[in-house]
Amino acid sequence: MASLAIPSSSRISAAPPAPSDGGRRALDAELIRRTLAGDDTAARELHHHYQPIVSSFLRKLGTKPHELEDACQDVFTLFFRHVAAFRGEAELKTWVFRLCASEARKVRRRRRIGAALAAVLRRELPEEVVAPAVKSDATIHELATRALDRMTPEQRLAFVLFEVEGLRGRQVAEVTGKSMAWTFRRLYEAQQLFRETLGIEQPHGDGT
């Protein structure tokens, strides 16, 4: 499937491309080896490099600002608890994305539980009608945010990994733990929502 063609003015900022010479993978392997041997400096280097990546990716998956600090801490707790099981068959960043996707699901579940409890408590209080806040959708950024919010968690994960982080289809499937067919179906659905919300016409000759 071809990558979604988005006008330059409406592209979401993407992360810098990963080194192509395998240098990062070799460095990660060495830092992991030293971390497992008890080297705290190596562990701090891993955290220093991946913390911005984790924070940025969790935000893109819909984690709210007030949830972000705890979510990042939980991701790195899992990271250092299970890093010994990382086999190096894929990039470490791909594995980190999987941890983030799992944590984002937990955050959404906690949010739903909290909302349900709040709804129960509100029933005990007099109902107040509050006019909804009116947000301008004049800018591309606002439209893009609206498009992401319309996506299901699965669609958003596939879209962010493919269109924003620049992962290939196989890598996206590795992160989601799903088949290629499932992955590309969710990506197609997300792309359609994005085009519809931003008013981007279907590229000519694009059968997807």
Protein backbone atom coordinates (compact mmCIF):
# COMPACT_ATOMS: atom_id res chain seq x y z
CA MET A 1 0.00 0.00 0.00
CA ALA A 2 1.33 3.40 -0.96
CA SER A 3 1.85 5.93 1.81
CA LEU A 4 -0.91 8.50 2.14
CA ALA A 5 -0.10 11.60 0.12
CA ILE A 6 -0.63 14.56 2.44
CA PRO A 7 0.04 18.15 1.34
CA SER A 8 3.15 19.58 2.96
CA SER A 9 1.07 22.15 4.80
CA SER A 10 -0.99 19.42 6.49
CA ARG A 11 1.66 16.86 7.39
CA ILE A 12 2.09 15.94 11.02
CA SER A 13 5.64 16.44 12.22
CA ALA A 14 7.52 13.15 11.89
CA ALA A 15 10.36 11.85 14.00
CA PRO A 16 13.88 12.11 12.51
CA PRO A 17 14.79 9.09 10.36
CA ALA A 18 16.69 6.32 12.12
CA PRO A 19 20.35 5.79 11.18
CA SER A 20 20.66 3.50 8.18
CA ASP A 21 24.09 2.09 9.03
CA GLY A 22 22.91 -0.03 11.94
CA GLY A 23 24.93 2.09 14.33
CA ARG A 24 22.01 2.67 16.66
CA ARG A 25 21.20 -1.03 16.79
CA ALA A 26 24.80 -1.89 17.69
CA LEU A 27 24.89 0.83 20.35
CA ASP A 28 21.59 -0.38 21.82
CA ALA A 29 22.90 -3.95 21.99
CA GLU A 30 26.00 -2.78 23.83
CA LEU A 31 24.01 -0.61 26.24
CA ILE A 32 21.63 -3.48 26.96
CA ARG A 33 24.56 -5.82 27.62
CA ARG A 34 26.10 -3.32 30.05
CA THR A 35 22.74 -2.62 31.71
CA LEU A 36 22.17 -6.32 32.35
CA ALA A 37 25.66 -6.47 33.84
CA GLY A 38 24.64 -3.81 36.36
CA ASP A 39 26.02 -0.69 34.66
CA ASP A 40 23.74 2.17 35.81
CA THR A 41 25.36 4.59 33.36
CA ALA A 42 24.30 2.42 30.42
CA ALA A 43 20.76 2.21 31.79
CA ARG A 44 20.63 6.00 32.08
CA GLU A 45 21.86 6.34 28.49
CA LEU A 46 19.07 4.07 27.26
CA HIS A 47 16.51 6.05 29.24
CA HIS A 48 17.93 9.39 28.03
CA HIS A 49 17.68 8.32 24.38
CA TYR A 50 14.27 6.63 24.44
CA GLN A 51 12.40 8.86 26.92
CA PRO A 52 11.56 11.55 24.31
CA ILE A 53 10.54 8.81 21.86
CA VAL A 54 8.26 7.19 24.43
CA SER A 55 6.73 10.50 25.51
CA SER A 56 6.11 11.63 21.94
CA PHE A 57 4.61 8.31 20.84
CA LEU A 58 2.29 8.08 23.86
CA ARG A 59 0.99 11.58 23.07
CA LYS A 60 0.34 10.58 19.48
CA LEU A 61 -1.66 7.59 20.73
CA GLY A 62 -3.92 9.93 22.69
CA THR A 63 -2.38 9.91 26.17
CA LYS A 64 -3.41 13.15 27.89
CA PRO A 65 -0.82 15.56 29.33
CA HIS A 66 -1.82 14.79 32.93
CA GLU A 67 -1.44 11.05 32.23
CA LEU A 68 1.89 11.27 30.44
CA GLU A 69 4.40 11.22 33.30
CA ASP A 70 2.94 8.12 34.95
CA ALA A 71 2.54 6.39 31.57
CA CYS A 72 6.21 7.02 30.69
CA GLN A 73 7.32 5.67 34.05
CA ASP A 74 5.23 2.54 33.54
CA VAL A 75 6.72 1.99 30.07
CA PHE A 76 10.27 2.21 31.41
CA THR A 77 9.43 -0.04 34.34
CA LEU A 78 8.42 -2.69 31.79
CA PHE A 79 11.40 -1.78 29.61
CA PHE A 80 14.01 -2.53 32.26
CA ARG A 81 12.06 -5.46 33.69
CA HIS A 82 11.92 -7.28 30.36
CA VAL A 83 14.87 -5.94 28.37
CA ALA A 84 16.77 -9.18 29.03
CA ALA A 85 14.19 -10.93 26.82
CA PHE A 86 14.86 -8.58 23.88
CA ARG A 87 16.49 -10.74 21.20
CA GLY A 88 17.63 -8.02 18.83
CA GLU A 89 15.73 -9.49 15.87
CA ALA A 90 14.13 -6.09 15.28
CA GLU A 91 15.11 -2.53 16.17
CA LEU A 92 14.82 -1.74 19.86
CA LYS A 93 12.58 1.19 18.95
CA THR A 94 10.05 -1.21 17.45
CA TRP A 95 9.99 -3.14 20.73
CA VAL A 96 9.61 0.13 22.66
CA PHE A 97 6.65 1.06 20.46
CA ARG A 98 4.98 -2.22 21.46
CA LEU A 99 5.43 -1.35 25.14
CA CYS A 100 3.94 2.10 24.48
CA ALA A 101 0.96 0.65 22.63
CA SER A 102 0.26 -1.69 25.54
CA GLU A 103 0.56 1.12 28.09
CA ALA A 104 -1.69 3.42 26.02
CA ARG A 105 -4.39 0.74 26.13
CA LYS A 106 -4.06 0.56 29.91
CA VAL A 107 -4.32 4.35 30.19
CA ARG A 108 -7.50 4.36 28.09
CA ARG A 109 -8.96 1.60 30.25
CA ARG A 110 -8.18 3.54 33.44
CA ARG A 111 -9.69 6.65 31.86
CA ARG A 112 -12.93 4.81 31.02
CA ILE A 113 -13.18 3.47 34.55
CA GLY A 114 -12.61 6.95 35.96
CA ALA A 115 -15.22 8.43 33.63
CA ALA A 116 -17.74 5.77 34.66
CA LEU A 117 -17.16 6.50 38.35
CA ALA A 118 -17.49 10.23 37.73
CA ALA A 119 -20.77 9.64 35.88
CA VAL A 120 -22.13 7.69 38.84
CA LEU A 121 -21.14 10.46 41.25
CA ARG A 122 -22.65 13.13 39.03
CA ARG A 123 -26.03 11.39 39.19
CA GLU A 124 -26.15 12.28 42.87
CA LEU A 125 -25.80 16.00 42.10
CA PRO A 126 -28.27 18.40 40.46
CA GLU A 127 -27.89 18.35 36.70
CA GLU A 128 -26.35 21.43 35.20
CA VAL A 129 -26.48 22.22 31.55
CA VAL A 130 -23.11 23.51 30.39
CA ALA A 131 -22.61 24.75 26.88
CA PRO A 132 -19.91 22.76 25.12
CA ALA A 133 -16.68 24.55 24.44
CA VAL A 134 -16.42 25.74 20.86
CA LYS A 135 -13.11 24.94 19.27
CA SER A 136 -12.06 26.50 16.04
CA ASP A 137 -11.25 24.02 13.29
CA ALA A 138 -9.77 26.65 11.02
CA THR A 139 -6.22 25.34 11.23
CA ILE A 140 -4.77 22.15 9.81
CA HIS A 141 -3.43 21.17 13.21
CA GLU A 142 -6.90 21.22 14.72
CA LEU A 143 -8.32 19.21 11.83
CA ALA A 144 -5.55 16.64 12.12
CA THR A 145 -6.20 16.31 15.84
CA ARG A 146 -9.90 15.85 15.14
CA ALA A 147 -9.12 13.15 12.59
CA LEU A 148 -6.94 11.27 15.09
CA ASP A 149 -9.65 11.51 17.73
CA ARG A 150 -12.16 9.96 15.32
CA MET A 151 -9.99 6.88 14.86
CA THR A 152 -10.30 3.76 16.95
CA PRO A 153 -7.20 2.99 19.05
CA GLU A 154 -6.19 0.30 16.52
CA GLN A 155 -6.59 2.64 13.53
CA ARG A 156 -4.70 5.41 15.28
CA LEU A 157 -1.83 3.10 16.22
CA ALA A 158 -1.42 1.86 12.64
CA PHE A 159 -1.71 5.40 11.23
CA VAL A 160 0.80 6.97 13.61
CA LEU A 161 3.34 4.18 13.12
CA PHE A 162 3.07 4.25 9.32
CA GLU A 163 2.42 7.89 8.44
CA VAL A 164 4.11 9.73 11.32
CA GLU A 165 6.88 7.44 12.56
CA GLY A 166 7.66 6.16 9.05
CA LEU A 167 7.68 2.44 9.87
CA ARG A 168 7.17 -0.05 7.05
CA GLY A 169 4.13 -2.30 6.94
CA ARG A 170 6.03 -5.29 8.31
CA GLN A 171 7.32 -3.24 11.25
CA VAL A 172 3.83 -1.92 11.98
CA ALA A 173 2.55 -5.50 12.07
CA GLU A 174 5.36 -6.40 14.50
CA VAL A 175 4.35 -3.59 16.85
CA THR A 176 0.62 -4.38 16.71
CA GLY A 177 1.18 -8.13 16.88
CA LYS A 178 -1.37 -8.56 14.09
CA SER A 179 -1.28 -9.95 10.56
CA MET A 180 -0.25 -7.80 7.58
CA ALA A 181 -3.83 -7.98 6.26
CA TRP A 182 -5.26 -6.74 9.58
CA THR A 183 -2.62 -4.01 9.79
CA PHE A 184 -3.24 -2.64 6.31
CA ARG A 185 -7.01 -2.76 6.78
CA ARG A 186 -6.76 -0.57 9.89
CA LEU A 187 -4.32 1.73 8.09
CA TYR A 188 -6.68 2.06 5.12
CA GLU A 189 -9.59 2.93 7.42
CA ALA A 190 -7.48 5.51 9.26
CA GLN A 191 -6.29 7.09 6.01
CA GLN A 192 -9.87 7.40 4.80
CA LEU A 193 -10.88 9.13 8.04
CA PHE A 194 -7.90 11.47 7.79
CA ARG A 195 -8.66 12.42 4.18
CA GLU A 196 -12.33 12.92 4.95
CA THR A 197 -11.69 15.16 7.95
CA LEU A 198 -9.07 17.30 6.22
CA GLY A 199 -10.93 17.40 2.90
CA ILE A 200 -8.09 15.71 1.00
CA GLU A 201 -9.22 14.18 -2.26
CA GLN A 202 -8.43 10.56 -3.03
CA PRO A 203 -5.26 10.46 -5.19
CA HIS A 204 -6.05 9.63 -8.82
CA GLY A 205 -5.39 5.99 -9.57
CA ASP A 206 -5.29 5.05 -5.89
CA GLY A 207 -7.41 1.98 -5.53
CA THR A 208 -7.03 1.83 -1.74
